[in-house]
């Protein structure tokens, strides 16, 4: 393929909490569900039936919770949802879900209890393993301020177009300007070299329950 025939680089934008609607949430949740349907770590928490439907349900709630205004913080949402789109036709290619550096830390036990029914509906008997793994991830996070990457994925048809690189790079630039780091857990060892090429370094294994351990990874300017 010639250089002129290559697809254009993705354009990264952010969902606006004040303009969030059901169509936007469904579009992003659907793309993330497609992306994670083949991720061994994610599907290890899912029953075998209706996996794409379950993932879409899960990411619908993730997007809404991330962008829900927090009255205790002046109405500012605790996180950001970045979306990579094709600059030619506007097709959604991928998305990333982030916690801001100043977002509240720790496992929200009250929130977890309130969402227990939905969690069981999505994960069935694997729900407790998921909760325990999230708690382990929280304990492993650095104590210093950082952007925290919760989820990043590209739809299968968009892989190879630099979608994840563009989404992560967007927040790396913000982190550099703010003088903070970026932290994530790689769900598979196969993804570690990709993040290393972006300047991340491994911080060690993170215990997972019911599946393979994760790899903590840290980036700073």
C-alpha atoms as a PDB file:
ATOM      1  CA  UNK A   1       0.000   0.000   0.000  1.00  0.00           C
ATOM      2  CA  UNK A   2       1.410   3.378  -0.929  1.00  0.00           C
ATOM      3  CA  UNK A   3       1.808   6.164   1.620  1.00  0.00           C
ATOM      4  CA  UNK A   4      -1.012   8.077  -0.109  1.00  0.00           C
ATOM      5  CA  UNK A   5      -3.358   5.078   0.245  1.00  0.00           C
ATOM      6  CA  UNK A   6      -2.894   4.671   3.970  1.00  0.00           C
ATOM      7  CA  UNK A   7      -5.890   5.528   6.139  1.00  0.00           C
ATOM      8  CA  UNK A   8      -5.602   8.940   7.782  1.00  0.00           C
ATOM      9  CA  UNK A   9      -4.476   9.188  11.376  1.00  0.00           C
ATOM     10  CA  UNK A  10      -7.279   9.103  13.936  1.00  0.00           C
ATOM     11  CA  UNK A  11      -8.574  12.350  15.356  1.00  0.00           C
ATOM     12  CA  UNK A  12      -8.935  12.286  19.146  1.00  0.00           C
ATOM     13  CA  UNK A  13     -11.704  14.204  20.847  1.00  0.00           C
ATOM     14  CA  UNK A  14     -13.368  13.994  24.271  1.00  0.00           C
ATOM     15  CA  UNK A  15     -16.987  13.388  25.166  1.00  0.00           C
ATOM     16  CA  UNK A  16     -18.533  16.426  26.799  1.00  0.00           C
ATOM     17  CA  UNK A  17     -20.375  15.582  30.027  1.00  0.00           C
ATOM     18  CA  UNK A  18     -22.775  18.475  29.470  1.00  0.00           C
ATOM     19  CA  UNK A  19     -23.681  17.187  26.021  1.00  0.00           C
ATOM     20  CA  UNK A  20     -23.760  13.465  26.758  1.00  0.00           C
ATOM     21  CA  UNK A  21     -26.705  11.596  25.245  1.00  0.00           C
ATOM     22  CA  UNK A  22     -27.771   7.981  24.946  1.00  0.00           C
ATOM     23  CA  UNK A  23     -26.577   7.721  21.342  1.00  0.00           C
ATOM     24  CA  UNK A  24     -23.048   8.857  22.218  1.00  0.00           C
ATOM     25  CA  UNK A  25     -22.857   6.478  25.189  1.00  0.00           C
ATOM     26  CA  UNK A  26     -24.163   3.564  23.124  1.00  0.00           C
ATOM     27  CA  UNK A  27     -21.680   4.262  20.337  1.00  0.00           C
ATOM     28  CA  UNK A  28     -18.667   4.328  22.661  1.00  0.00           C
ATOM     29  CA  UNK A  29     -19.870   1.377  24.747  1.00  0.00           C
ATOM     30  CA  UNK A  30     -20.381  -0.633  21.572  1.00  0.00           C
ATOM     31  CA  UNK A  31     -16.883   0.101  20.269  1.00  0.00           C
ATOM     32  CA  UNK A  32     -15.275  -0.826  23.597  1.00  0.00           C
ATOM     33  CA  UNK A  33     -17.335  -4.024  23.728  1.00  0.00           C
ATOM     34  CA  UNK A  34     -16.058  -4.971  20.257  1.00  0.00           C
ATOM     35  CA  UNK A  35     -12.497  -4.195  21.295  1.00  0.00           C
ATOM     36  CA  UNK A  36     -12.563  -6.244  24.502  1.00  0.00           C
ATOM     37  CA  UNK A  37     -14.507  -9.206  23.166  1.00  0.00           C
ATOM     38  CA  UNK A  38     -11.197 -10.932  22.338  1.00  0.00           C
ATOM     39  CA  UNK A  39      -9.261  -9.729  25.400  1.00  0.00           C
ATOM     40  CA  UNK A  40      -8.473 -12.819  27.524  1.00  0.00           C
ATOM     41  CA  UNK A  41      -8.402 -10.879  30.789  1.00  0.00           C
ATOM     42  CA  UNK A  42     -11.779  -9.244  30.251  1.00  0.00           C
ATOM     43  CA  UNK A  43     -13.641 -12.283  29.008  1.00  0.00           C
ATOM     44  CA  UNK A  44     -12.289 -14.369  31.886  1.00  0.00           C
ATOM     45  CA  UNK A  45     -14.830 -12.540  34.091  1.00  0.00           C
ATOM     46  CA  UNK A  46     -17.769 -13.207  31.756  1.00  0.00           C
ATOM     47  CA  UNK A  47     -20.089 -16.178  31.399  1.00  0.00           C
ATOM     48  CA  UNK A  48     -19.884 -17.821  27.969  1.00  0.00           C
ATOM     49  CA  UNK A  49     -23.267 -16.606  26.757  1.00  0.00           C
ATOM     50  CA  UNK A  50     -24.119 -13.131  25.371  1.00  0.00           C
ATOM     51  CA  UNK A  51     -20.609 -11.784  25.934  1.00  0.00           C
ATOM     52  CA  UNK A  52     -20.871  -8.805  23.592  1.00  0.00           C
ATOM     53  CA  UNK A  53     -24.207  -7.820  25.117  1.00  0.00           C
ATOM     54  CA  UNK A  54     -22.750  -8.095  28.618  1.00  0.00           C
ATOM     55  CA  UNK A  55     -19.692  -6.019  27.682  1.00  0.00           C
ATOM     56  CA  UNK A  56     -21.850  -3.323  26.098  1.00  0.00           C
ATOM     57  CA  UNK A  57     -23.913  -3.159  29.286  1.00  0.00           C
ATOM     58  CA  UNK A  58     -20.749  -2.900  31.389  1.00  0.00           C
ATOM     59  CA  UNK A  59     -19.135  -0.147  29.296  1.00  0.00           C
ATOM     60  CA  UNK A  60     -22.393   1.809  29.158  1.00  0.00           C
ATOM     61  CA  UNK A  61     -22.164   2.141  32.946  1.00  0.00           C
ATOM     62  CA  UNK A  62     -18.413   2.819  32.884  1.00  0.00           C
ATOM     63  CA  UNK A  63     -18.858   5.758  30.492  1.00  0.00           C
ATOM     64  CA  UNK A  64     -21.754   7.221  32.459  1.00  0.00           C
ATOM     65  CA  UNK A  65     -19.990   6.882  35.822  1.00  0.00           C
ATOM     66  CA  UNK A  66     -16.782   8.404  34.462  1.00  0.00           C
ATOM     67  CA  UNK A  67     -18.565  11.485  33.137  1.00  0.00           C
ATOM     68  CA  UNK A  68     -21.140  11.949  35.905  1.00  0.00           C
ATOM     69  CA  UNK A  69     -20.736  15.425  37.475  1.00  0.00           C
ATOM     70  CA  UNK A  70     -19.583  15.314  41.080  1.00  0.00           C
ATOM     71  CA  UNK A  71     -21.260  17.981  43.257  1.00  0.00           C
ATOM     72  CA  UNK A  72     -18.429  17.683  45.789  1.00  0.00           C
ATOM     73  CA  UNK A  73     -15.984  18.803  43.089  1.00  0.00           C
ATOM     74  CA  UNK A  74     -17.941  21.727  41.730  1.00  0.00           C
ATOM     75  CA  UNK A  75     -19.813  19.578  39.261  1.00  0.00           C
ATOM     76  CA  UNK A  76     -16.659  18.334  37.541  1.00  0.00           C
ATOM     77  CA  UNK A  77     -16.629  14.721  36.370  1.00  0.00           C
ATOM     78  CA  UNK A  78     -14.036  12.388  37.950  1.00  0.00           C
ATOM     79  CA  UNK A  79     -12.750  11.240  34.593  1.00  0.00           C
ATOM     80  CA  UNK A  80     -12.512  11.705  30.861  1.00  0.00           C
ATOM     81  CA  UNK A  81     -13.633   9.578  27.928  1.00  0.00           C
ATOM     82  CA  UNK A  82     -11.533  10.173  24.820  1.00  0.00           C
ATOM     83  CA  UNK A  83     -12.761   8.984  21.446  1.00  0.00           C
ATOM     84  CA  UNK A  84     -10.722   8.326  18.299  1.00  0.00           C
ATOM     85  CA  UNK A  85     -12.616   9.006  15.078  1.00  0.00           C
ATOM     86  CA  UNK A  86     -11.859   8.743  11.383  1.00  0.00           C
ATOM     87  CA  UNK A  87     -11.322  12.359  10.254  1.00  0.00           C
ATOM     88  CA  UNK A  88     -12.832  11.559   6.844  1.00  0.00           C
ATOM     89  CA  UNK A  89     -16.199  10.026   7.736  1.00  0.00           C
ATOM     90  CA  UNK A  90     -16.436  10.479  11.522  1.00  0.00           C
ATOM     91  CA  UNK A  91     -16.562   6.742  12.251  1.00  0.00           C
ATOM     92  CA  UNK A  92     -15.734   5.913  15.866  1.00  0.00           C
ATOM     93  CA  UNK A  93     -12.546   3.837  15.813  1.00  0.00           C
ATOM     94  CA  UNK A  94     -11.766   3.434  19.504  1.00  0.00           C
ATOM     95  CA  UNK A  95     -12.025   4.959  22.954  1.00  0.00           C
ATOM     96  CA  UNK A  96     -10.143   5.382  26.211  1.00  0.00           C
ATOM     97  CA  UNK A  97     -11.520   5.840  29.736  1.00  0.00           C
ATOM     98  CA  UNK A  98      -9.386   7.823  32.189  1.00  0.00           C
ATOM     99  CA  UNK A  99      -9.439   8.927  35.813  1.00  0.00           C
ATOM    100  CA  UNK A 100      -8.175  12.456  36.326  1.00  0.00           C
ATOM    101  CA  UNK A 101      -5.153  12.985  38.605  1.00  0.00           C
ATOM    102  CA  UNK A 102      -7.368  14.642  41.195  1.00  0.00           C
ATOM    103  CA  UNK A 103     -10.136  12.004  41.082  1.00  0.00           C
ATOM    104  CA  UNK A 104     -11.028  10.344  44.403  1.00  0.00           C
ATOM    105  CA  UNK A 105      -8.911   7.286  45.181  1.00  0.00           C
ATOM    106  CA  UNK A 106      -9.854   4.002  46.759  1.00  0.00           C
ATOM    107  CA  UNK A 107     -12.601   1.472  46.134  1.00  0.00           C
ATOM    108  CA  UNK A 108     -16.053   3.030  46.389  1.00  0.00           C
ATOM    109  CA  UNK A 109     -17.727   0.440  48.601  1.00  0.00           C
ATOM    110  CA  UNK A 110     -21.046   2.291  48.614  1.00  0.00           C
ATOM    111  CA  UNK A 111     -20.976   2.597  44.845  1.00  0.00           C
ATOM    112  CA  UNK A 112     -19.968  -1.043  44.476  1.00  0.00           C
ATOM    113  CA  UNK A 113     -22.882  -2.125  46.648  1.00  0.00           C
ATOM    114  CA  UNK A 114     -25.290   0.042  44.646  1.00  0.00           C
ATOM    115  CA  UNK A 115     -24.120  -1.507  41.363  1.00  0.00           C
ATOM    116  CA  UNK A 116     -23.929  -5.081  42.657  1.00  0.00           C
ATOM    117  CA  UNK A 117     -27.030  -6.242  40.815  1.00  0.00           C
ATOM    118  CA  UNK A 118     -25.757  -4.908  37.503  1.00  0.00           C
ATOM    119  CA  UNK A 119     -22.308  -6.404  38.124  1.00  0.00           C
ATOM    120  CA  UNK A 120     -23.808  -9.826  38.791  1.00  0.00           C
ATOM    121  CA  UNK A 121     -25.985  -9.496  35.692  1.00  0.00           C
ATOM    122  CA  UNK A 122     -22.887  -8.846  33.588  1.00  0.00           C
ATOM    123  CA  UNK A 123     -20.383 -11.217  35.215  1.00  0.00           C
ATOM    124  CA  UNK A 124     -22.448 -13.808  37.015  1.00  0.00           C
ATOM    125  CA  UNK A 125     -20.396 -15.940  39.402  1.00  0.00           C
ATOM    126  CA  UNK A 126     -17.214 -14.099  38.374  1.00  0.00           C
ATOM    127  CA  UNK A 127     -18.366 -10.783  39.884  1.00  0.00           C
ATOM    128  CA  UNK A 128     -16.516 -11.265  43.188  1.00  0.00           C
ATOM    129  CA  UNK A 129     -13.265 -12.091  41.383  1.00  0.00           C
ATOM    130  CA  UNK A 130     -13.635  -8.868  39.423  1.00  0.00           C
ATOM    131  CA  UNK A 131     -14.226  -6.779  42.553  1.00  0.00           C
ATOM    132  CA  UNK A 132     -11.188  -8.322  44.270  1.00  0.00           C
ATOM    133  CA  UNK A 133      -9.037  -7.676  41.202  1.00  0.00           C
ATOM    134  CA  UNK A 134     -10.130  -4.028  41.010  1.00  0.00           C
ATOM    135  CA  UNK A 135      -9.190  -3.659  44.684  1.00  0.00           C
ATOM    136  CA  UNK A 136      -5.746  -5.164  43.979  1.00  0.00           C
ATOM    137  CA  UNK A 137      -5.259  -2.715  41.096  1.00  0.00           C
ATOM    138  CA  UNK A 138      -6.133   0.164  43.380  1.00  0.00           C
ATOM    139  CA  UNK A 139      -3.574  -0.937  45.961  1.00  0.00           C
ATOM    140  CA  UNK A 140      -0.875  -1.175  43.290  1.00  0.00           C
ATOM    141  CA  UNK A 141      -1.355   2.332  41.923  1.00  0.00           C
ATOM    142  CA  UNK A 142       1.382   4.894  42.622  1.00  0.00           C
ATOM    143  CA  UNK A 143       0.690   7.310  45.455  1.00  0.00           C
ATOM    144  CA  UNK A 144       1.718  10.353  43.422  1.00  0.00           C
ATOM    145  CA  UNK A 145      -0.714  12.232  41.180  1.00  0.00           C
ATOM    146  CA  UNK A 146      -1.283  10.616  37.778  1.00  0.00           C
ATOM    147  CA  UNK A 147      -3.680  10.044  34.935  1.00  0.00           C
ATOM    148  CA  UNK A 148      -5.036   6.509  35.289  1.00  0.00           C
ATOM    149  CA  UNK A 149      -5.977   4.572  32.177  1.00  0.00           C
ATOM    150  CA  UNK A 150      -8.892   2.323  33.007  1.00  0.00           C
ATOM    151  CA  UNK A 151      -9.709   1.052  29.523  1.00  0.00           C
ATOM    152  CA  UNK A 152      -8.473   1.611  25.982  1.00  0.00           C
ATOM    153  CA  UNK A 153      -9.531  -0.269  22.879  1.00  0.00           C
ATOM    154  CA  UNK A 154      -9.968  -0.077  19.130  1.00  0.00           C
ATOM    155  CA  UNK A 155     -12.602  -1.821  17.087  1.00  0.00           C
ATOM    156  CA  UNK A 156     -11.038  -4.815  15.251  1.00  0.00           C
ATOM    157  CA  UNK A 157     -11.472  -3.230  11.812  1.00  0.00           C
ATOM    158  CA  UNK A 158      -9.419  -0.201  12.952  1.00  0.00           C
ATOM    159  CA  UNK A 159      -6.450  -2.055  14.408  1.00  0.00           C
ATOM    160  CA  UNK A 160      -3.146  -1.115  12.867  1.00  0.00           C
ATOM    161  CA  UNK A 161      -4.187   2.512  12.378  1.00  0.00           C
ATOM    162  CA  UNK A 162      -2.524   3.842  15.522  1.00  0.00           C
ATOM    163  CA  UNK A 163      -5.757   4.260  17.475  1.00  0.00           C
ATOM    164  CA  UNK A 164      -4.439   3.225  20.898  1.00  0.00           C
ATOM    165  CA  UNK A 165      -1.226   5.189  20.342  1.00  0.00           C
ATOM    166  CA  UNK A 166      -3.240   8.334  19.561  1.00  0.00           C
ATOM    167  CA  UNK A 167      -5.533   7.890  22.564  1.00  0.00           C
ATOM    168  CA  UNK A 168      -2.721   7.294  25.060  1.00  0.00           C
ATOM    169  CA  UNK A 169      -0.562  10.008  23.531  1.00  0.00           C
ATOM    170  CA  UNK A 170      -3.304  12.578  24.056  1.00  0.00           C
ATOM    171  CA  UNK A 171      -3.137  12.161  27.834  1.00  0.00           C
ATOM    172  CA  UNK A 172       0.635  11.815  27.895  1.00  0.00           C
ATOM    173  CA  UNK A 173       0.821  15.335  26.475  1.00  0.00           C
ATOM    174  CA  UNK A 174      -1.579  16.605  29.135  1.00  0.00           C
ATOM    175  CA  UNK A 175       0.385  14.811  31.843  1.00  0.00           C
ATOM    176  CA  UNK A 176       3.651  16.352  30.644  1.00  0.00           C
ATOM    177  CA  UNK A 177       2.162  19.846  30.770  1.00  0.00           C
ATOM    178  CA  UNK A 178       0.778  19.260  34.274  1.00  0.00           C
ATOM    179  CA  UNK A 179       3.936  17.612  35.589  1.00  0.00           C
ATOM    180  CA  UNK A 180       2.219  14.333  36.503  1.00  0.00           C
ATOM    181  CA  UNK A 181       2.611  10.724  35.403  1.00  0.00           C
ATOM    182  CA  UNK A 182       0.423   8.173  33.648  1.00  0.00           C
ATOM    183  CA  UNK A 183      -0.341   4.725  35.048  1.00  0.00           C
ATOM    184  CA  UNK A 184      -2.065   1.655  33.626  1.00  0.00           C
ATOM    185  CA  UNK A 185      -2.241  -2.095  33.945  1.00  0.00           C
ATOM    186  CA  UNK A 186      -1.489  -4.146  30.858  1.00  0.00           C
ATOM    187  CA  UNK A 187      -3.982  -6.999  30.736  1.00  0.00           C
ATOM    188  CA  UNK A 188      -1.640  -9.322  28.826  1.00  0.00           C
ATOM    189  CA  UNK A 189       2.108  -9.750  28.549  1.00  0.00           C
ATOM    190  CA  UNK A 190       1.731  -9.425  24.784  1.00  0.00           C
ATOM    191  CA  UNK A 191       0.715  -5.767  25.180  1.00  0.00           C
ATOM    192  CA  UNK A 192       3.690  -4.815  27.358  1.00  0.00           C
ATOM    193  CA  UNK A 193       6.087  -4.113  24.444  1.00  0.00           C
ATOM    194  CA  UNK A 194       3.534  -1.746  22.892  1.00  0.00           C
ATOM    195  CA  UNK A 195       3.406   0.367  26.046  1.00  0.00           C
ATOM    196  CA  UNK A 196       7.170   0.209  26.406  1.00  0.00           C
ATOM    197  CA  UNK A 197       7.451   1.776  22.947  1.00  0.00           C
ATOM    198  CA  UNK A 198       5.303   4.620  24.260  1.00  0.00           C
ATOM    199  CA  UNK A 199       7.784   5.171  27.096  1.00  0.00           C
ATOM    200  CA  UNK A 200       6.148   3.164  29.882  1.00  0.00           C
ATOM    201  CA  UNK A 201       8.135   0.923  32.207  1.00  0.00           C
ATOM    202  CA  UNK A 202       6.883  -2.060  34.151  1.00  0.00           C
ATOM    203  CA  UNK A 203       6.353  -1.631  37.886  1.00  0.00           C
ATOM    204  CA  UNK A 204       5.660  -5.287  38.634  1.00  0.00           C
ATOM    205  CA  UNK A 205       2.809  -7.798  38.591  1.00  0.00           C
ATOM    206  CA  UNK A 206      -0.638  -6.954  39.941  1.00  0.00           C
ATOM    207  CA  UNK A 207      -2.509  -9.874  41.458  1.00  0.00           C
ATOM    208  CA  UNK A 208      -5.671 -10.845  39.618  1.00  0.00           C
ATOM    209  CA  UNK A 209      -8.299 -13.258  40.889  1.00  0.00           C
ATOM    210  CA  UNK A 210      -9.585 -15.999  38.620  1.00  0.00           C
ATOM    211  CA  UNK A 211      -7.263 -15.041  35.751  1.00  0.00           C
ATOM    212  CA  UNK A 212      -3.638 -14.214  34.915  1.00  0.00           C
ATOM    213  CA  UNK A 213      -1.911 -11.405  36.773  1.00  0.00           C
ATOM    214  CA  UNK A 214      -1.705  -7.941  35.234  1.00  0.00           C
ATOM    215  CA  UNK A 215       1.417  -5.826  34.694  1.00  0.00           C
ATOM    216  CA  UNK A 216       1.539  -2.378  36.257  1.00  0.00           C
ATOM    217  CA  UNK A 217       3.139   0.229  33.975  1.00  0.00           C
ATOM    218  CA  UNK A 218       4.261   3.799  34.680  1.00  0.00           C
ATOM    219  CA  UNK A 219       5.148   6.732  32.444  1.00  0.00           C
ATOM    220  CA  UNK A 220       6.557  10.104  33.355  1.00  0.00           C
ATOM    221  CA  UNK A 221       8.018  12.860  31.229  1.00  0.00           C
END
